[in-house]
Amino acid sequence: MAFPPNYRQERSNRDKAKQRKAQEKQEKRDEKNAQRKSDPQPELAASEPKKEE
């Protein structure tokens, strides 16, 4: 065995990977929210019948 395992470094690497994944997930959520908020609810506008007077 050349070197003993460095458990603290391995743990740090796992934590960093976990944080990156969570950050990417949050960015995707933010993109979807921004897109949803910019569109004025197209589903409701299409489903409502138009009133003719």
C-alpha atoms as a PDB file:
ATOM      1  CA  MET A   1       0.000   0.000   0.000  1.00  0.00           C
ATOM      2  CA  ALA A   2       1.603   3.204  -1.184  1.00  0.00           C
ATOM      3  CA  PHE A   3      -0.512   5.700   0.749  1.00  0.00           C
ATOM      4  CA  PRO A   4      -3.163   5.276   3.405  1.00  0.00           C
ATOM      5  CA  PRO A   5      -6.638   6.407   2.359  1.00  0.00           C
ATOM      6  CA  ASN A   6      -7.384  10.043   3.022  1.00  0.00           C
ATOM      7  CA  TYR A   7     -10.944   9.838   4.313  1.00  0.00           C
ATOM      8  CA  ARG A   8     -11.291  13.562   4.929  1.00  0.00           C
ATOM      9  CA  GLN A   9     -10.378  14.362   1.322  1.00  0.00           C
ATOM     10  CA  GLU A  10     -12.758  11.706  -0.008  1.00  0.00           C
ATOM     11  CA  ARG A  11     -15.553  13.084   2.147  1.00  0.00           C
ATOM     12  CA  SER A  12     -14.783  16.593   0.944  1.00  0.00           C
ATOM     13  CA  ASN A  13     -14.941  15.460  -2.689  1.00  0.00           C
ATOM     14  CA  ARG A  14     -18.313  13.778  -2.113  1.00  0.00           C
ATOM     15  CA  ASP A  15     -19.674  16.876  -0.400  1.00  0.00           C
ATOM     16  CA  LYS A  16     -18.509  19.120  -3.240  1.00  0.00           C
ATOM     17  CA  ALA A  17     -20.130  16.837  -5.815  1.00  0.00           C
ATOM     18  CA  LYS A  18     -23.361  16.845  -3.811  1.00  0.00           C
ATOM     19  CA  GLN A  19     -23.330  20.651  -3.648  1.00  0.00           C
ATOM     20  CA  ARG A  20     -22.716  20.951  -7.412  1.00  0.00           C
ATOM     21  CA  LYS A  21     -25.616  18.613  -8.133  1.00  0.00           C
ATOM     22  CA  ALA A  22     -27.933  20.522  -5.800  1.00  0.00           C
ATOM     23  CA  GLN A  23     -26.867  23.834  -7.373  1.00  0.00           C
ATOM     24  CA  GLU A  24     -27.592  22.545 -10.897  1.00  0.00           C
ATOM     25  CA  LYS A  25     -30.971  21.262  -9.768  1.00  0.00           C
ATOM     26  CA  GLN A  26     -31.814  24.625  -8.204  1.00  0.00           C
ATOM     27  CA  GLU A  27     -30.773  26.464 -11.379  1.00  0.00           C
ATOM     28  CA  LYS A  28     -33.106  24.261 -13.441  1.00  0.00           C
ATOM     29  CA  ARG A  29     -35.948  24.967 -11.014  1.00  0.00           C
ATOM     30  CA  ASP A  30     -35.254  28.694 -11.210  1.00  0.00           C
ATOM     31  CA  GLU A  31     -35.287  28.583 -15.027  1.00  0.00           C
ATOM     32  CA  LYS A  32     -38.632  26.777 -15.063  1.00  0.00           C
ATOM     33  CA  ASN A  33     -40.091  29.221 -12.540  1.00  0.00           C
ATOM     34  CA  ALA A  34     -38.900  32.230 -14.516  1.00  0.00           C
ATOM     35  CA  GLN A  35     -40.324  30.789 -17.722  1.00  0.00           C
ATOM     36  CA  ARG A  36     -43.622  29.948 -16.033  1.00  0.00           C
ATOM     37  CA  LYS A  37     -43.906  33.408 -14.513  1.00  0.00           C
ATOM     38  CA  SER A  38     -43.144  35.140 -17.810  1.00  0.00           C
ATOM     39  CA  ASP A  39     -45.954  33.251 -19.598  1.00  0.00           C
ATOM     40  CA  PRO A  40     -49.351  34.591 -18.482  1.00  0.00           C
ATOM     41  CA  GLN A  41     -50.896  31.162 -17.856  1.00  0.00           C
ATOM     42  CA  PRO A  42     -51.590  30.005 -21.431  1.00  0.00           C
ATOM     43  CA  GLU A  43     -53.449  26.874 -20.205  1.00  0.00           C
ATOM     44  CA  LEU A  44     -56.168  28.881 -18.477  1.00  0.00           C
ATOM     45  CA  ALA A  45     -56.594  31.321 -21.349  1.00  0.00           C
ATOM     46  CA  ALA A  46     -57.072  28.480 -23.846  1.00  0.00           C
ATOM     47  CA  SER A  47     -59.541  26.533 -21.693  1.00  0.00           C
ATOM     48  CA  GLU A  48     -61.854  29.443 -20.872  1.00  0.00           C
ATOM     49  CA  PRO A  49     -64.697  29.889 -23.344  1.00  0.00           C
ATOM     50  CA  LYS A  50     -64.902  33.292 -24.965  1.00  0.00           C
ATOM     51  CA  LYS A  51     -68.022  35.311 -24.176  1.00  0.00           C
ATOM     52  CA  GLU A  52     -69.727  36.795 -27.187  1.00  0.00           C
ATOM     53  CA  GLU A  53     -71.900  39.800 -26.526  1.00  0.00           C
END
